[in-house]
Amino acid sequence: MLHLDRLNRSIIGHLQDGRKSFKKIATSLDISENTVKARVRRLEEEGVLKIAGYVDPESMEGHQIVYIGVKLKDMDYIAKGEEISRLRRVVSVGVVMGRYDLMVTVHLKHGFGYLEFLSEELSKIDRIESIESFLVYKGCNIKVPYITDENEMKEIGG
């Protein structure tokens, strides 16, 4: 695992403004632009950092976030979490303590709502004992990666 030294943490801090250039970061930290590029590349390769555009789902018509608490029939938490994380429209999965074993964040949209997610995606996962859903009616500072589906990419020529 990559060591997050002070310089790595500083670079990541500057990247909170995702549009800040490597040159500006280098100048601010009094290091070379090549050092910033190399550090960022290494952080990405190690899976520590991912640079992406995030959206407010409430700002897009027909988009919604749902949190799903999942109780499993056995204790295969990590494997099941990884399996669920690969389902369509899943933003994240956390192995949690308490009433549920997993907490799943799903970004739904018009044409692929909650019923479709349950019947077409979550139903593929065996050994689920129960689920409880929490539909977000109003979010406070919720930002998620914008997920484009295969059909959507075809529509826009991608």
Protein backbone atom coordinates (compact mmCIF):
# COMPACT_ATOMS: atom_id res chain seq x y z
CA MET A 1 0.00 0.00 0.00
CA LEU A 2 1.24 3.43 -0.94
CA HIS A 3 2.40 5.63 1.93
CA LEU A 4 0.49 8.91 2.05
CA ASP A 5 3.27 11.27 3.06
CA ARG A 6 2.78 14.98 3.64
CA LEU A 7 3.41 15.83 -0.03
CA ASN A 8 0.88 13.25 -1.30
CA ARG A 9 -1.72 14.58 1.13
CA SER A 10 -0.99 18.16 0.04
CA ILE A 11 -1.39 17.27 -3.64
CA ILE A 12 -4.68 15.49 -2.91
CA GLY A 13 -5.82 18.54 -0.95
CA HIS A 14 -5.13 20.80 -3.94
CA LEU A 15 -7.05 18.39 -6.20
CA GLN A 16 -10.24 19.13 -4.25
CA ASP A 17 -10.48 21.83 -6.89
CA GLY A 18 -10.55 19.27 -9.70
CA ARG A 19 -9.82 21.90 -12.33
CA LYS A 20 -6.60 23.15 -10.74
CA SER A 21 -3.66 22.58 -13.07
CA PHE A 22 -0.63 20.53 -12.07
CA LYS A 23 1.46 23.64 -12.75
CA LYS A 24 -0.48 25.70 -10.17
CA ILE A 25 -0.22 22.87 -7.64
CA ALA A 26 3.53 22.61 -8.24
CA THR A 27 4.01 26.35 -7.81
CA SER A 28 1.97 26.38 -4.62
CA LEU A 29 3.98 23.49 -3.14
CA ASP A 30 7.33 24.72 -4.50
CA ILE A 31 8.00 21.50 -6.42
CA SER A 32 8.25 20.64 -10.12
CA GLU A 33 5.21 19.98 -12.29
CA ASN A 34 6.73 16.59 -13.19
CA THR A 35 6.80 15.66 -9.50
CA VAL A 36 3.08 16.45 -9.22
CA LYS A 37 2.32 14.43 -12.38
CA ALA A 38 4.35 11.44 -11.17
CA ARG A 39 2.78 11.51 -7.70
CA VAL A 40 -0.77 11.78 -9.08
CA ARG A 41 -0.12 8.95 -11.56
CA ARG A 42 1.19 6.74 -8.75
CA LEU A 43 -1.75 7.61 -6.46
CA GLU A 44 -4.14 6.66 -9.28
CA GLU A 45 -2.28 3.42 -10.07
CA GLU A 46 -2.38 2.40 -6.40
CA GLY A 47 -6.13 3.07 -6.23
CA VAL A 48 -5.72 5.81 -3.62
CA LEU A 49 -6.95 8.59 -5.90
CA LYS A 50 -9.50 8.82 -8.69
CA ILE A 51 -10.09 12.10 -10.46
CA ALA A 52 -13.67 12.34 -11.65
CA GLY A 53 -16.53 14.74 -12.23
CA TYR A 54 -19.32 14.49 -9.65
CA VAL A 55 -22.89 15.68 -10.04
CA ASP A 56 -25.76 16.68 -7.79
CA PRO A 57 -28.45 14.13 -8.70
CA GLU A 58 -31.20 16.57 -7.65
CA SER A 59 -30.07 18.98 -10.36
CA MET A 60 -30.84 16.42 -13.08
CA GLU A 61 -34.45 15.69 -13.91
CA GLY A 62 -35.50 12.14 -13.09
CA HIS A 63 -32.41 11.26 -11.03
CA GLN A 64 -32.58 10.00 -7.45
CA ILE A 65 -30.36 8.43 -4.82
CA VAL A 66 -31.41 5.44 -2.76
CA TYR A 67 -29.52 3.87 0.13
CA ILE A 68 -30.13 0.18 0.66
CA GLY A 69 -29.29 -1.59 3.92
CA VAL A 70 -28.51 -5.24 3.17
CA LYS A 71 -28.55 -8.10 5.68
CA LEU A 72 -26.74 -11.23 4.45
CA LYS A 73 -27.46 -14.87 5.29
CA ASP A 74 -23.78 -15.53 5.99
CA MET A 75 -20.65 -13.57 6.89
CA ASP A 76 -19.15 -13.26 3.39
CA TYR A 77 -19.35 -9.46 3.69
CA ILE A 78 -16.42 -8.34 1.55
CA ALA A 79 -17.04 -10.74 -1.34
CA LYS A 80 -20.74 -9.86 -1.43
CA GLY A 81 -19.94 -6.15 -1.17
CA GLU A 82 -17.58 -6.40 -4.14
CA GLU A 83 -20.17 -8.37 -6.11
CA ILE A 84 -22.89 -5.79 -5.43
CA SER A 85 -20.51 -2.93 -6.25
CA ARG A 86 -20.33 -4.20 -9.83
CA LEU A 87 -24.10 -3.97 -10.38
CA ARG A 88 -25.51 -1.37 -12.76
CA ARG A 89 -26.02 2.09 -11.18
CA VAL A 90 -24.28 1.21 -7.88
CA VAL A 91 -22.19 4.15 -6.69
CA SER A 92 -20.68 2.56 -3.58
CA VAL A 93 -20.95 -0.28 -1.08
CA GLY A 94 -19.78 -0.16 2.51
CA VAL A 95 -19.37 -3.08 4.89
CA VAL A 96 -20.94 -1.66 8.05
CA MET A 97 -21.58 -2.56 11.66
CA GLY A 98 -25.01 -2.51 13.21
CA ARG A 99 -28.41 -3.51 11.87
CA TYR A 100 -27.12 -4.16 8.33
CA ASP A 101 -24.06 -5.87 6.91
CA LEU A 102 -23.78 -3.68 3.81
CA MET A 103 -24.92 -0.18 2.93
CA VAL A 104 -25.37 0.33 -0.82
CA THR A 105 -25.69 3.69 -2.58
CA VAL A 106 -27.53 3.57 -5.91
CA HIS A 107 -27.99 6.38 -8.45
CA LEU A 108 -31.33 5.84 -10.17
CA LYS A 109 -32.69 7.71 -13.16
CA HIS A 110 -35.77 7.97 -15.33
CA GLY A 111 -36.07 4.69 -17.23
CA PHE A 112 -34.09 2.75 -14.64
CA GLY A 113 -35.79 3.22 -11.30
CA TYR A 114 -35.91 1.34 -8.05
CA LEU A 115 -38.07 -1.54 -9.30
CA GLU A 116 -35.72 -2.11 -12.26
CA PHE A 117 -32.71 -2.06 -9.96
CA LEU A 118 -34.26 -4.65 -7.65
CA SER A 119 -35.58 -6.96 -10.38
CA GLU A 120 -32.76 -6.65 -12.93
CA GLU A 121 -29.70 -6.17 -10.73
CA LEU A 122 -30.00 -6.94 -7.01
CA SER A 123 -31.94 -10.12 -7.76
CA LYS A 124 -28.71 -11.52 -9.28
CA ILE A 125 -27.11 -11.65 -5.83
CA ASP A 126 -27.72 -14.78 -3.77
CA ARG A 127 -27.52 -15.15 0.02
CA ILE A 128 -29.32 -11.84 0.77
CA GLU A 129 -31.54 -12.26 3.83
CA SER A 130 -33.29 -8.89 3.71
CA ILE A 131 -33.03 -5.31 2.52
CA GLU A 132 -34.37 -1.98 3.70
CA SER A 133 -34.46 1.01 1.40
CA PHE A 134 -34.07 4.71 2.08
CA LEU A 135 -35.12 6.97 -0.82
CA VAL A 136 -33.52 10.40 -0.64
CA TYR A 137 -36.17 13.09 -1.04
CA LYS A 138 -33.84 16.01 -0.36
CA GLY A 139 -30.07 15.70 -0.25
CA CYS A 140 -27.61 17.93 1.52
CA ASN A 141 -24.31 18.11 -0.35
CA ILE A 142 -24.78 14.74 -2.09
CA LYS A 143 -22.50 14.42 -5.11
CA VAL A 144 -22.07 11.19 -7.07
CA PRO A 145 -20.13 10.15 -10.14
CA TYR A 146 -22.23 10.48 -13.26
CA ILE A 147 -22.80 6.97 -14.55
CA THR A 148 -23.49 6.61 -18.25
CA ASP A 149 -25.20 3.45 -19.39
CA GLU A 150 -24.35 1.62 -22.61
CA ASN A 151 -27.64 2.68 -24.24
CA GLU A 152 -27.06 6.30 -23.28
CA MET A 153 -23.61 6.25 -24.91
CA LYS A 154 -25.13 4.85 -28.14
CA GLU A 155 -27.71 7.66 -28.15
CA ILE A 156 -25.00 10.33 -28.01
CA GLY A 157 -22.73 8.58 -30.48
CA GLY A 158 -20.14 7.24 -28.01
